[in-house]
Each structure stands twice: as C-alpha cells, then as structure tokens.
C-alpha cells in the first residue's frame, strides 16, 4: 500500500508520518519510507542523528543507475537517457517490490532500526550548491516519481512518503501514485485552507483523501475541524509527551506512546488497509500514461530529442501479477 502524508508547513506531517512508520514497523510490516520533502526531516524523526541523516544517499544523485535498472529490456525505451520522471513501465521493464533486494535499494536506501525492527529509508536529498538559484524542487523529486511508477506492492506491504509542504506536489503527477493520502491539518483557517486546495485539485483524479487533525487541544478545535472538513476528518491527535521527547532526540520505547495516539495510528492503519479493495489498476496506469504524455509534449520531447509517446506500452497494466524482466 502506498501512503502519502501532506499538509501545510509546520502542520506536523513529518512527525505523524514517522509515527505511522514506527507503528507499521512495530506491527512487523515491511516498510519503505521516502522523504520527498526538501526540508529532509524524516530521518531525524525516525531517530537518526544529524550526521547519520546527512549521510543518507540522495536518490537524485543515483538517477542514471535508477533509470538503467528500471529500463530493463523494454524495447520501447531506446536508452536510459530518454527516460524522464514520468516514463511508465512496460513489457521488459524492471519493477521494484517492497520486500526484495535490488540495485536501486542498494544505492539509495538505508536500514533504520526502530525498537529492534528495521525499515528502509530513501531520501530525495537536499539542494546542493549547484542547485541553488537554478533548479526547482521538482527536479529533485523526479527519482521518487520514477520509482513509484515502477513499484509494485501488495496488501500488508507499505510505502510511506513524506511529501513536500502545501499543495506543491500537484506540480507533478506524483499525487496520484497513492492508495490513500493523509492531509495533516491544524484547527486553524490556514490549516484547512490547504485541505480545501488539495481537495479541489484532487477531485478529478480519484485521489482518496483523509484528514488527520493535529494539535487539537479541546472540543472547540474538534468542532472547528468537523465543520470545515466534514466526513473527510478521520481522527485527531493532541499533545504528546512521547513526541516531545523524540523531538529532543530522546525517544522512549515506542510502546510507551500514549494510548490515545496509538489508537489514532491504528485507525490510520485500518483506513489504509481498507483502500486495497478499491484499487483500480487500470486507472492507476492510465493516469501514469496521461501525465507522461503531458510532460512529453511540454518539455520531454524537446529535451531528449525523442518522441516519448513511443515509450507507452498500450497493453501494459501495472499490478501485483506483473512479472519483472530478468
């Protein structure tokens, strides 16, 4: 299952995504965690110190390897140089799976131990000196989008992505790559304004969206969120001494997290698992192709000197039963 955490900057989306990752790991589930936010705080939220977080390999720095591996023997892709962030898989492409070992994970993922269990952590990487003033953020997330387009996951397997703040993720097709998107909203006008914007943008794409109310301090806050987001409100989270200790770099054992917050994480888990039955693999693949063709016409064909529409395999549908190339 693929899950995104989005929200206004400062809403607590990274903290909540890290708690959900810890919850899944404690449940024994295989997890790939991805930090797709330029601020790169997920590693620290999962307990890495500053040096360990800084040493994580940037996915963007390994983009040639990623492209070469995912291309496989797909005859529609003439070279790795013609692959762009939206290039869809087809017959002969190599696919990524949550539980396997592969060269992409070897280069870009690192294990993070959480109370005796490990998750894989991948990061887009921060801006480098060469990027400053000349590169947009979405040039950094292209590797994430390409990997998500080639990733196959089943029930009880989880890919959790901490997305960029606000509604900025709509500048790419990545927002359609998830079974469920959790929008973390504070009980403020600014907090719910991001929800309204996200809801409006996502409306025509069948994006499953649930709101997690954060920093909720009492009945007035709860009533405000219920009035503003209605049935999209899944659960609320309040103050946590456990989180405060974690933010100081001294997290207790995860099983000491307060019961109301543990209950909230269980509700998130249940909501995610319920979406598996609603998966529409043909729509998922069609949206991938539509965004690829749009990017090809907009800039991809000119940049690569190739007709990128030819990369589309019209008979291919991405799903758990697809066999990757050797």
C-alpha atoms as a PDB file:
ATOM      1  CA  UNK A   1       0.000   0.000   0.000  1.00  0.00           C
ATOM      2  CA  UNK A   2       1.281   3.453  -0.907  1.00  0.00           C
ATOM      3  CA  UNK A   3       0.549   6.249   1.562  1.00  0.00           C
ATOM      4  CA  UNK A   4       1.314   9.973   1.350  1.00  0.00           C
ATOM      5  CA  UNK A   5       1.416  12.486   4.178  1.00  0.00           C
ATOM      6  CA  UNK A   6       0.774  16.076   3.095  1.00  0.00           C
ATOM      7  CA  UNK A   7      -0.090  19.331   4.837  1.00  0.00           C
ATOM      8  CA  UNK A   8       0.860  22.914   5.472  1.00  0.00           C
ATOM      9  CA  UNK A   9       4.420  23.550   6.552  1.00  0.00           C
ATOM     10  CA  UNK A  10       4.593  23.138  10.314  1.00  0.00           C
ATOM     11  CA  UNK A  11       1.375  21.104  10.479  1.00  0.00           C
ATOM     12  CA  UNK A  12       3.196  18.059  11.823  1.00  0.00           C
ATOM     13  CA  UNK A  13       3.044  15.862   8.720  1.00  0.00           C
ATOM     14  CA  UNK A  14       6.625  14.626   9.131  1.00  0.00           C
ATOM     15  CA  UNK A  15       6.064  13.814  12.801  1.00  0.00           C
ATOM     16  CA  UNK A  16       2.851  11.922  12.026  1.00  0.00           C
ATOM     17  CA  UNK A  17       4.359  10.091   9.079  1.00  0.00           C
ATOM     18  CA  UNK A  18       7.267   8.996  11.293  1.00  0.00           C
ATOM     19  CA  UNK A  19       4.839   7.788  13.967  1.00  0.00           C
ATOM     20  CA  UNK A  20       2.903   5.816  11.380  1.00  0.00           C
ATOM     21  CA  UNK A  21       6.126   4.267  10.085  1.00  0.00           C
ATOM     22  CA  UNK A  22       7.047   3.275  13.645  1.00  0.00           C
ATOM     23  CA  UNK A  23       3.579   1.833  14.144  1.00  0.00           C
ATOM     24  CA  UNK A  24       3.839  -0.288  10.980  1.00  0.00           C
ATOM     25  CA  UNK A  25       7.322  -1.483  11.926  1.00  0.00           C
ATOM     26  CA  UNK A  26       6.153  -2.420  15.423  1.00  0.00           C
ATOM     27  CA  UNK A  27       3.388  -4.441  13.752  1.00  0.00           C
ATOM     28  CA  UNK A  28       6.042  -6.381  11.827  1.00  0.00           C
ATOM     29  CA  UNK A  29       5.108  -4.974   8.427  1.00  0.00           C
ATOM     30  CA  UNK A  30       7.701  -4.402   5.679  1.00  0.00           C
ATOM     31  CA  UNK A  31       8.066  -0.654   5.128  1.00  0.00           C
ATOM     32  CA  UNK A  32       9.825   1.564   2.612  1.00  0.00           C
ATOM     33  CA  UNK A  33       9.884   5.144   3.905  1.00  0.00           C
ATOM     34  CA  UNK A  34      10.581   8.004   1.491  1.00  0.00           C
ATOM     35  CA  UNK A  35      11.413  11.593   2.412  1.00  0.00           C
ATOM     36  CA  UNK A  36      10.204  13.620  -0.574  1.00  0.00           C
ATOM     37  CA  UNK A  37      10.257  16.938   1.288  1.00  0.00           C
ATOM     38  CA  UNK A  38      13.129  19.304   0.507  1.00  0.00           C
ATOM     39  CA  UNK A  39      13.475  20.043   4.231  1.00  0.00           C
ATOM     40  CA  UNK A  40      14.573  16.429   4.805  1.00  0.00           C
ATOM     41  CA  UNK A  41      13.389  15.937   8.400  1.00  0.00           C
ATOM     42  CA  UNK A  42      12.078  12.368   8.209  1.00  0.00           C
ATOM     43  CA  UNK A  43      15.415  10.747   9.072  1.00  0.00           C
ATOM     44  CA  UNK A  44      15.683  12.795  12.257  1.00  0.00           C
ATOM     45  CA  UNK A  45      12.059  11.998  13.135  1.00  0.00           C
ATOM     46  CA  UNK A  46      12.961   8.313  12.822  1.00  0.00           C
ATOM     47  CA  UNK A  47      15.809   8.742  15.290  1.00  0.00           C
ATOM     48  CA  UNK A  48      18.860   9.423  13.124  1.00  0.00           C
ATOM     49  CA  UNK A  49      21.326  11.951  14.443  1.00  0.00           C
ATOM     50  CA  UNK A  50      22.426  14.878  12.302  1.00  0.00           C
ATOM     51  CA  UNK A  51      25.472  13.117  10.868  1.00  0.00           C
ATOM     52  CA  UNK A  52      23.535   9.936  10.062  1.00  0.00           C
ATOM     53  CA  UNK A  53      20.766  11.899   8.349  1.00  0.00           C
ATOM     54  CA  UNK A  54      23.289  13.918   6.320  1.00  0.00           C
ATOM     55  CA  UNK A  55      24.991  10.706   5.171  1.00  0.00           C
ATOM     56  CA  UNK A  56      21.831   9.264   3.589  1.00  0.00           C
ATOM     57  CA  UNK A  57      22.337   8.840  -0.175  1.00  0.00           C
ATOM     58  CA  UNK A  58      20.276  11.201  -2.333  1.00  0.00           C
ATOM     59  CA  UNK A  59      18.078   9.432  -4.864  1.00  0.00           C
ATOM     60  CA  UNK A  60      18.669  12.186  -7.393  1.00  0.00           C
ATOM     61  CA  UNK A  61      22.402  11.542  -7.283  1.00  0.00           C
ATOM     62  CA  UNK A  62      21.734   7.971  -8.435  1.00  0.00           C
ATOM     63  CA  UNK A  63      19.254   8.788 -11.186  1.00  0.00           C
ATOM     64  CA  UNK A  64      21.372   7.253 -14.009  1.00  0.00           C
ATOM     65  CA  UNK A  65      21.557   3.960 -12.090  1.00  0.00           C
ATOM     66  CA  UNK A  66      17.825   4.064 -11.338  1.00  0.00           C
ATOM     67  CA  UNK A  67      16.950   4.656 -14.985  1.00  0.00           C
ATOM     68  CA  UNK A  68      19.304   1.998 -16.281  1.00  0.00           C
ATOM     69  CA  UNK A  69      17.931  -0.596 -13.860  1.00  0.00           C
ATOM     70  CA  UNK A  70      14.237   0.194 -14.403  1.00  0.00           C
ATOM     71  CA  UNK A  71      14.608   0.285 -18.179  1.00  0.00           C
ATOM     72  CA  UNK A  72      15.471  -3.403 -18.200  1.00  0.00           C
ATOM     73  CA  UNK A  73      14.888  -4.897 -21.644  1.00  0.00           C
ATOM     74  CA  UNK A  74      11.892  -2.710 -22.503  1.00  0.00           C
ATOM     75  CA  UNK A  75      12.251  -2.271 -26.289  1.00  0.00           C
ATOM     76  CA  UNK A  76      10.136   0.896 -26.259  1.00  0.00           C
ATOM     77  CA  UNK A  77      12.818   2.766 -24.291  1.00  0.00           C
ATOM     78  CA  UNK A  78      15.752   3.222 -26.624  1.00  0.00           C
ATOM     79  CA  UNK A  79      18.161   4.376 -23.915  1.00  0.00           C
ATOM     80  CA  UNK A  80      18.228   5.383 -20.258  1.00  0.00           C
ATOM     81  CA  UNK A  81      18.956   8.937 -21.444  1.00  0.00           C
ATOM     82  CA  UNK A  82      15.455   9.144 -22.947  1.00  0.00           C
ATOM     83  CA  UNK A  83      13.764   8.250 -19.652  1.00  0.00           C
ATOM     84  CA  UNK A  84      12.146  11.130 -17.776  1.00  0.00           C
ATOM     85  CA  UNK A  85      10.467  11.216 -14.368  1.00  0.00           C
ATOM     86  CA  UNK A  86       7.110  10.125 -15.804  1.00  0.00           C
ATOM     87  CA  UNK A  87       8.328   7.303 -18.061  1.00  0.00           C
ATOM     88  CA  UNK A  88       5.903   4.417 -17.462  1.00  0.00           C
ATOM     89  CA  UNK A  89       6.874   0.752 -17.259  1.00  0.00           C
ATOM     90  CA  UNK A  90       6.032  -1.691 -19.995  1.00  0.00           C
ATOM     91  CA  UNK A  91       6.851  -5.214 -21.069  1.00  0.00           C
ATOM     92  CA  UNK A  92      10.519  -5.811 -20.270  1.00  0.00           C
ATOM     93  CA  UNK A  93      10.806  -3.081 -17.632  1.00  0.00           C
ATOM     94  CA  UNK A  94      12.229  -3.980 -14.250  1.00  0.00           C
ATOM     95  CA  UNK A  95       9.877  -3.341 -11.338  1.00  0.00           C
ATOM     96  CA  UNK A  96      10.580  -2.601  -7.700  1.00  0.00           C
ATOM     97  CA  UNK A  97       8.996  -4.609  -4.906  1.00  0.00           C
ATOM     98  CA  UNK A  98       8.845  -3.750  -1.230  1.00  0.00           C
ATOM     99  CA  UNK A  99      10.349  -6.966   0.133  1.00  0.00           C
ATOM    100  CA  UNK A 100      13.140  -7.570  -2.379  1.00  0.00           C
ATOM    101  CA  UNK A 101      16.779  -6.567  -2.607  1.00  0.00           C
ATOM    102  CA  UNK A 102      17.812  -4.781  -5.790  1.00  0.00           C
ATOM    103  CA  UNK A 103      20.473  -2.334  -7.041  1.00  0.00           C
ATOM    104  CA  UNK A 104      18.174   0.682  -6.512  1.00  0.00           C
ATOM    105  CA  UNK A 105      17.724  -0.121  -2.828  1.00  0.00           C
ATOM    106  CA  UNK A 106      21.415  -0.946  -2.521  1.00  0.00           C
ATOM    107  CA  UNK A 107      22.336   2.525  -3.814  1.00  0.00           C
ATOM    108  CA  UNK A 108      19.538   4.663  -2.388  1.00  0.00           C
ATOM    109  CA  UNK A 109      18.032   3.001   0.690  1.00  0.00           C
ATOM    110  CA  UNK A 110      19.443   2.575   4.162  1.00  0.00           C
ATOM    111  CA  UNK A 111      18.022   0.474   7.012  1.00  0.00           C
ATOM    112  CA  UNK A 112      16.798   2.372  10.054  1.00  0.00           C
ATOM    113  CA  UNK A 113      16.272   0.356  13.216  1.00  0.00           C
ATOM    114  CA  UNK A 114      13.151   1.147  15.201  1.00  0.00           C
ATOM    115  CA  UNK A 115      12.927  -0.736  18.504  1.00  0.00           C
ATOM    116  CA  UNK A 116      14.525  -3.845  17.042  1.00  0.00           C
ATOM    117  CA  UNK A 117      12.798  -3.747  13.665  1.00  0.00           C
ATOM    118  CA  UNK A 118      14.178  -2.162  10.507  1.00  0.00           C
ATOM    119  CA  UNK A 119      12.590  -0.101   7.762  1.00  0.00           C
ATOM    120  CA  UNK A 120      14.144   1.058   4.510  1.00  0.00           C
ATOM    121  CA  UNK A 121      14.592   4.829   4.276  1.00  0.00           C
ATOM    122  CA  UNK A 122      15.105   6.680   0.991  1.00  0.00           C
ATOM    123  CA  UNK A 123      15.505  10.448   0.568  1.00  0.00           C
ATOM    124  CA  UNK A 124      15.369  12.833  -2.362  1.00  0.00           C
ATOM    125  CA  UNK A 125      18.329  14.706  -0.914  1.00  0.00           C
ATOM    126  CA  UNK A 126      18.695  18.415  -0.163  1.00  0.00           C
ATOM    127  CA  UNK A 127      19.602  21.135  -2.617  1.00  0.00           C
ATOM    128  CA  UNK A 128      23.302  21.231  -3.413  1.00  0.00           C
ATOM    129  CA  UNK A 129      25.355  24.360  -4.115  1.00  0.00           C
ATOM    130  CA  UNK A 130      24.976  23.604  -7.823  1.00  0.00           C
ATOM    131  CA  UNK A 131      21.166  23.610  -7.499  1.00  0.00           C
ATOM    132  CA  UNK A 132      20.802  26.927  -5.723  1.00  0.00           C
ATOM    133  CA  UNK A 133      19.207  29.562  -7.921  1.00  0.00           C
ATOM    134  CA  UNK A 134      18.938  27.313 -10.980  1.00  0.00           C
ATOM    135  CA  UNK A 135      16.934  24.216 -10.025  1.00  0.00           C
ATOM    136  CA  UNK A 136      13.330  23.822  -8.918  1.00  0.00           C
ATOM    137  CA  UNK A 137      12.333  21.390  -6.195  1.00  0.00           C
ATOM    138  CA  UNK A 138      10.629  19.047  -8.646  1.00  0.00           C
ATOM    139  CA  UNK A 139      13.939  18.322 -10.326  1.00  0.00           C
ATOM    140  CA  UNK A 140      14.869  16.617  -7.046  1.00  0.00           C
ATOM    141  CA  UNK A 141      11.693  14.510  -6.734  1.00  0.00           C
ATOM    142  CA  UNK A 142      11.854  13.080 -10.250  1.00  0.00           C
ATOM    143  CA  UNK A 143      13.664   9.980  -8.980  1.00  0.00           C
ATOM    144  CA  UNK A 144      10.894   9.376  -6.442  1.00  0.00           C
ATOM    145  CA  UNK A 145       8.193   9.656  -9.097  1.00  0.00           C
ATOM    146  CA  UNK A 146      10.043   7.316 -11.448  1.00  0.00           C
ATOM    147  CA  UNK A 147      10.445   4.719  -8.699  1.00  0.00           C
ATOM    148  CA  UNK A 148       6.784   4.965  -7.675  1.00  0.00           C
ATOM    149  CA  UNK A 149       5.785   4.430 -11.313  1.00  0.00           C
ATOM    150  CA  UNK A 150       7.729   1.163 -11.288  1.00  0.00           C
ATOM    151  CA  UNK A 151       6.861  -0.020  -7.778  1.00  0.00           C
ATOM    152  CA  UNK A 152       4.554  -2.962  -7.185  1.00  0.00           C
ATOM    153  CA  UNK A 153       3.156  -3.506  -3.711  1.00  0.00           C
ATOM    154  CA  UNK A 154       0.531  -5.763  -2.242  1.00  0.00           C
ATOM    155  CA  UNK A 155      -1.548  -5.950   0.927  1.00  0.00           C
ATOM    156  CA  UNK A 156       0.441  -5.775   4.176  1.00  0.00           C
ATOM    157  CA  UNK A 157       3.332  -4.024   2.367  1.00  0.00           C
ATOM    158  CA  UNK A 158       3.732  -0.310   2.893  1.00  0.00           C
ATOM    159  CA  UNK A 159       5.427   2.600   1.144  1.00  0.00           C
ATOM    160  CA  UNK A 160       5.091   5.785   3.222  1.00  0.00           C
ATOM    161  CA  UNK A 161       6.045   9.083   1.565  1.00  0.00           C
ATOM    162  CA  UNK A 162       6.502  12.348   3.454  1.00  0.00           C
ATOM    163  CA  UNK A 163       5.562  14.832   0.733  1.00  0.00           C
ATOM    164  CA  UNK A 164       6.514  18.453   0.196  1.00  0.00           C
ATOM    165  CA  UNK A 165       4.521  21.042   2.143  1.00  0.00           C
ATOM    166  CA  UNK A 166       1.266  22.580   0.944  1.00  0.00           C
ATOM    167  CA  UNK A 167      -0.217  21.701  -2.435  1.00  0.00           C
ATOM    168  CA  UNK A 168       3.129  21.901  -4.241  1.00  0.00           C
ATOM    169  CA  UNK A 169       3.032  18.200  -5.114  1.00  0.00           C
ATOM    170  CA  UNK A 170       0.383  18.987  -7.763  1.00  0.00           C
ATOM    171  CA  UNK A 171       3.164  20.344  -9.961  1.00  0.00           C
ATOM    172  CA  UNK A 172       3.845  16.683 -10.855  1.00  0.00           C
ATOM    173  CA  UNK A 173       1.716  13.578 -11.260  1.00  0.00           C
ATOM    174  CA  UNK A 174       3.079  12.085  -8.054  1.00  0.00           C
ATOM    175  CA  UNK A 175      -0.066  12.970  -6.105  1.00  0.00           C
ATOM    176  CA  UNK A 176      -1.951  10.200  -7.999  1.00  0.00           C
ATOM    177  CA  UNK A 177       0.504   7.470  -7.006  1.00  0.00           C
ATOM    178  CA  UNK A 178      -1.032   6.655  -3.614  1.00  0.00           C
ATOM    179  CA  UNK A 179      -3.763   4.399  -2.295  1.00  0.00           C
ATOM    180  CA  UNK A 180      -4.511   6.920   0.439  1.00  0.00           C
ATOM    181  CA  UNK A 181      -3.339  10.453   1.188  1.00  0.00           C
ATOM    182  CA  UNK A 182      -3.408  11.721   4.757  1.00  0.00           C
ATOM    183  CA  UNK A 183      -3.679  15.502   4.942  1.00  0.00           C
ATOM    184  CA  UNK A 184      -2.466  16.750   8.312  1.00  0.00           C
ATOM    185  CA  UNK A 185      -4.403  19.868   9.298  1.00  0.00           C
ATOM    186  CA  UNK A 186      -4.233  22.116  12.322  1.00  0.00           C
ATOM    187  CA  UNK A 187      -7.539  23.569  13.597  1.00  0.00           C
ATOM    188  CA  UNK A 188      -6.872  26.963  12.007  1.00  0.00           C
ATOM    189  CA  UNK A 189      -8.015  28.762   8.874  1.00  0.00           C
ATOM    190  CA  UNK A 190      -4.584  28.312   7.313  1.00  0.00           C
ATOM    191  CA  UNK A 191      -4.598  24.635   8.222  1.00  0.00           C
ATOM    192  CA  UNK A 192      -7.895  23.902   6.496  1.00  0.00           C
ATOM    193  CA  UNK A 193      -7.136  26.148   3.509  1.00  0.00           C
ATOM    194  CA  UNK A 194      -4.537  23.623   2.331  1.00  0.00           C
ATOM    195  CA  UNK A 195      -7.176  20.911   2.705  1.00  0.00           C
ATOM    196  CA  UNK A 196      -9.627  22.816   0.508  1.00  0.00           C
ATOM    197  CA  UNK A 197      -6.985  23.439  -2.145  1.00  0.00           C
ATOM    198  CA  UNK A 198      -5.829  19.830  -2.120  1.00  0.00           C
ATOM    199  CA  UNK A 199      -9.415  18.543  -2.239  1.00  0.00           C
ATOM    200  CA  UNK A 200     -10.221  20.748  -5.215  1.00  0.00           C
ATOM    201  CA  UNK A 201      -7.127  19.771  -7.181  1.00  0.00           C
ATOM    202  CA  UNK A 202      -7.575  16.066  -6.427  1.00  0.00           C
ATOM    203  CA  UNK A 203     -11.285  15.955  -7.245  1.00  0.00           C
ATOM    204  CA  UNK A 204     -10.959  14.881 -10.884  1.00  0.00           C
ATOM    205  CA  UNK A 205      -8.290  12.240 -10.255  1.00  0.00           C
ATOM    206  CA  UNK A 206     -10.000   9.911  -7.795  1.00  0.00           C
ATOM    207  CA  UNK A 207      -7.466  10.660  -5.056  1.00  0.00           C
ATOM    208  CA  UNK A 208      -8.528   9.090  -1.756  1.00  0.00           C
ATOM    209  CA  UNK A 209      -8.042  11.764   0.911  1.00  0.00           C
ATOM    210  CA  UNK A 210      -8.480  11.686   4.682  1.00  0.00           C
ATOM    211  CA  UNK A 211      -7.753  14.464   7.168  1.00  0.00           C
ATOM    212  CA  UNK A 212      -5.769  13.934  10.349  1.00  0.00           C
ATOM    213  CA  UNK A 213      -6.384  16.785  12.753  1.00  0.00           C
ATOM    214  CA  UNK A 214      -3.207  17.679  14.624  1.00  0.00           C
ATOM    215  CA  UNK A 215      -2.524  19.879  17.652  1.00  0.00           C
ATOM    216  CA  UNK A 216      -6.161  19.531  18.706  1.00  0.00           C
ATOM    217  CA  UNK A 217      -6.485  20.841  22.250  1.00  0.00           C
ATOM    218  CA  UNK A 218     -10.176  20.611  23.073  1.00  0.00           C
ATOM    219  CA  UNK A 219     -13.808  20.420  21.914  1.00  0.00           C
ATOM    220  CA  UNK A 220     -13.663  23.793  20.165  1.00  0.00           C
ATOM    221  CA  UNK A 221     -10.777  22.645  17.968  1.00  0.00           C
ATOM    222  CA  UNK A 222     -12.583  19.403  17.184  1.00  0.00           C
ATOM    223  CA  UNK A 223     -15.827  21.192  16.331  1.00  0.00           C
ATOM    224  CA  UNK A 224     -13.920  23.579  14.052  1.00  0.00           C
ATOM    225  CA  UNK A 225     -12.347  20.744  12.065  1.00  0.00           C
ATOM    226  CA  UNK A 226     -15.617  18.838  11.808  1.00  0.00           C
ATOM    227  CA  UNK A 227     -17.357  21.936  10.478  1.00  0.00           C
ATOM    228  CA  UNK A 228     -14.599  22.669   7.950  1.00  0.00           C
ATOM    229  CA  UNK A 229     -13.720  19.212   6.563  1.00  0.00           C
ATOM    230  CA  UNK A 230     -16.806  17.131   7.330  1.00  0.00           C
ATOM    231  CA  UNK A 231     -16.614  13.394   6.739  1.00  0.00           C
ATOM    232  CA  UNK A 232     -13.041  13.629   5.482  1.00  0.00           C
ATOM    233  CA  UNK A 233     -11.900  14.006   9.105  1.00  0.00           C
ATOM    234  CA  UNK A 234     -10.628  10.573  10.123  1.00  0.00           C
ATOM    235  CA  UNK A 235      -9.040  11.191  13.515  1.00  0.00           C
ATOM    236  CA  UNK A 236      -7.437  13.892  15.644  1.00  0.00           C
ATOM    237  CA  UNK A 237      -4.192  13.958  17.607  1.00  0.00           C
ATOM    238  CA  UNK A 238      -3.343  16.168  20.564  1.00  0.00           C
ATOM    239  CA  UNK A 239      -0.292  16.842  22.709  1.00  0.00           C
ATOM    240  CA  UNK A 240       2.215  14.020  23.166  1.00  0.00           C
ATOM    241  CA  UNK A 241       4.967  13.882  25.759  1.00  0.00           C
ATOM    242  CA  UNK A 242       6.431  10.982  23.768  1.00  0.00           C
ATOM    243  CA  UNK A 243       6.714  13.176  20.661  1.00  0.00           C
ATOM    244  CA  UNK A 244       8.255  15.999  22.668  1.00  0.00           C
ATOM    245  CA  UNK A 245      10.925  13.594  23.974  1.00  0.00           C
ATOM    246  CA  UNK A 246      11.504  12.326  20.417  1.00  0.00           C
ATOM    247  CA  UNK A 247      11.982  15.874  19.164  1.00  0.00           C
ATOM    248  CA  UNK A 248      14.653  16.340  21.819  1.00  0.00           C
ATOM    249  CA  UNK A 249      16.458  13.274  20.483  1.00  0.00           C
ATOM    250  CA  UNK A 250      15.482  11.046  23.414  1.00  0.00           C
ATOM    251  CA  UNK A 251      12.525   8.951  22.231  1.00  0.00           C
ATOM    252  CA  UNK A 252      11.247   6.367  24.731  1.00  0.00           C
ATOM    253  CA  UNK A 253      10.320   2.890  23.524  1.00  0.00           C
ATOM    254  CA  UNK A 254       7.520   3.183  21.013  1.00  0.00           C
ATOM    255  CA  UNK A 255       5.210   1.011  23.098  1.00  0.00           C
ATOM    256  CA  UNK A 256       5.191   3.862  25.634  1.00  0.00           C
ATOM    257  CA  UNK A 257       3.417   6.201  23.202  1.00  0.00           C
ATOM    258  CA  UNK A 258       0.200   7.444  24.782  1.00  0.00           C
ATOM    259  CA  UNK A 259      -2.792   5.162  24.186  1.00  0.00           C
ATOM    260  CA  UNK A 260      -4.987   7.822  22.506  1.00  0.00           C
ATOM    261  CA  UNK A 261      -2.222   8.383  19.954  1.00  0.00           C
ATOM    262  CA  UNK A 262      -1.654   4.650  19.499  1.00  0.00           C
ATOM    263  CA  UNK A 263      -5.396   4.345  18.858  1.00  0.00           C
ATOM    264  CA  UNK A 264      -5.184   7.103  16.242  1.00  0.00           C
ATOM    265  CA  UNK A 265      -2.387   5.236  14.436  1.00  0.00           C
ATOM    266  CA  UNK A 266      -4.451   2.049  14.455  1.00  0.00           C
ATOM    267  CA  UNK A 267      -7.290   3.959  12.788  1.00  0.00           C
ATOM    268  CA  UNK A 268      -4.892   5.197  10.108  1.00  0.00           C
ATOM    269  CA  UNK A 269      -3.690   1.633   9.559  1.00  0.00           C
ATOM    270  CA  UNK A 270      -7.242   0.327   9.220  1.00  0.00           C
ATOM    271  CA  UNK A 271      -8.135   3.086   6.760  1.00  0.00           C
ATOM    272  CA  UNK A 272      -5.089   2.293   4.621  1.00  0.00           C
ATOM    273  CA  UNK A 273      -5.789  -1.432   4.503  1.00  0.00           C
ATOM    274  CA  UNK A 274      -9.424  -0.813   3.547  1.00  0.00           C
ATOM    275  CA  UNK A 275      -8.355   1.014   0.370  1.00  0.00           C
ATOM    276  CA  UNK A 276      -6.799  -2.131  -1.098  1.00  0.00           C
ATOM    277  CA  UNK A 277     -10.217  -3.400  -2.127  1.00  0.00           C
ATOM    278  CA  UNK A 278     -10.847  -0.177  -4.059  1.00  0.00           C
ATOM    279  CA  UNK A 279      -7.666  -0.359  -6.127  1.00  0.00           C
ATOM    280  CA  UNK A 280      -8.247   0.437  -9.797  1.00  0.00           C
ATOM    281  CA  UNK A 281      -5.078  -0.719 -11.515  1.00  0.00           C
ATOM    282  CA  UNK A 282      -6.218   0.321 -14.978  1.00  0.00           C
ATOM    283  CA  UNK A 283      -6.955   3.876 -13.812  1.00  0.00           C
ATOM    284  CA  UNK A 284      -3.642   3.989 -11.953  1.00  0.00           C
ATOM    285  CA  UNK A 285      -1.764   3.009 -15.116  1.00  0.00           C
ATOM    286  CA  UNK A 286      -3.843   5.325 -17.303  1.00  0.00           C
ATOM    287  CA  UNK A 287      -3.099   8.329 -15.082  1.00  0.00           C
ATOM    288  CA  UNK A 288       0.591   7.470 -15.209  1.00  0.00           C
ATOM    289  CA  UNK A 289       0.471   7.437 -19.008  1.00  0.00           C
ATOM    290  CA  UNK A 290      -1.577  10.644 -19.221  1.00  0.00           C
ATOM    291  CA  UNK A 291       0.950  12.574 -17.115  1.00  0.00           C
ATOM    292  CA  UNK A 292       3.793  11.118 -19.153  1.00  0.00           C
ATOM    293  CA  UNK A 293       2.256  12.274 -22.436  1.00  0.00           C
ATOM    294  CA  UNK A 294       1.615  15.724 -20.978  1.00  0.00           C
ATOM    295  CA  UNK A 295       5.235  16.032 -19.835  1.00  0.00           C
ATOM    296  CA  UNK A 296       6.492  14.689 -23.154  1.00  0.00           C
ATOM    297  CA  UNK A 297       4.626  17.378 -25.094  1.00  0.00           C
ATOM    298  CA  UNK A 298       5.516  20.135 -22.629  1.00  0.00           C
ATOM    299  CA  UNK A 299       9.268  19.610 -22.367  1.00  0.00           C
ATOM    300  CA  UNK A 300      10.356  15.966 -22.558  1.00  0.00           C
ATOM    301  CA  UNK A 301      10.438  15.505 -26.332  1.00  0.00           C
ATOM    302  CA  UNK A 302      12.475  18.664 -26.825  1.00  0.00           C
ATOM    303  CA  UNK A 303      14.899  17.869 -24.012  1.00  0.00           C
ATOM    304  CA  UNK A 304      15.574  14.264 -25.009  1.00  0.00           C
ATOM    305  CA  UNK A 305      15.271  14.645 -28.771  1.00  0.00           C
ATOM    306  CA  UNK A 306      12.929  11.647 -28.862  1.00  0.00           C
ATOM    307  CA  UNK A 307       9.216  11.005 -29.276  1.00  0.00           C
ATOM    308  CA  UNK A 308       8.457   9.928 -25.713  1.00  0.00           C
ATOM    309  CA  UNK A 309       4.905   8.902 -26.579  1.00  0.00           C
ATOM    310  CA  UNK A 310       6.521   5.844 -28.167  1.00  0.00           C
ATOM    311  CA  UNK A 311       7.545   4.689 -24.676  1.00  0.00           C
ATOM    312  CA  UNK A 312       3.932   3.885 -23.785  1.00  0.00           C
ATOM    313  CA  UNK A 313       3.048   0.189 -23.894  1.00  0.00           C
ATOM    314  CA  UNK A 314      -0.707   0.246 -24.617  1.00  0.00           C
ATOM    315  CA  UNK A 315      -1.302  -3.286 -23.348  1.00  0.00           C
ATOM    316  CA  UNK A 316       0.530  -2.918 -20.037  1.00  0.00           C
ATOM    317  CA  UNK A 317      -1.274  -2.590 -16.684  1.00  0.00           C
ATOM    318  CA  UNK A 318       0.807  -2.297 -13.518  1.00  0.00           C
ATOM    319  CA  UNK A 319      -0.253  -4.749 -10.812  1.00  0.00           C
ATOM    320  CA  UNK A 320       0.978  -7.378  -8.396  1.00  0.00           C
ATOM    321  CA  UNK A 321       0.819 -10.143 -11.006  1.00  0.00           C
ATOM    322  CA  UNK A 322       3.100  -8.400 -13.495  1.00  0.00           C
ATOM    323  CA  UNK A 323       6.399 -10.225 -13.928  1.00  0.00           C
ATOM    324  CA  UNK A 324       9.530  -8.084 -13.997  1.00  0.00           C
ATOM    325  CA  UNK A 325      12.236  -8.724 -16.563  1.00  0.00           C
ATOM    326  CA  UNK A 326      15.358 -10.564 -15.536  1.00  0.00           C
END
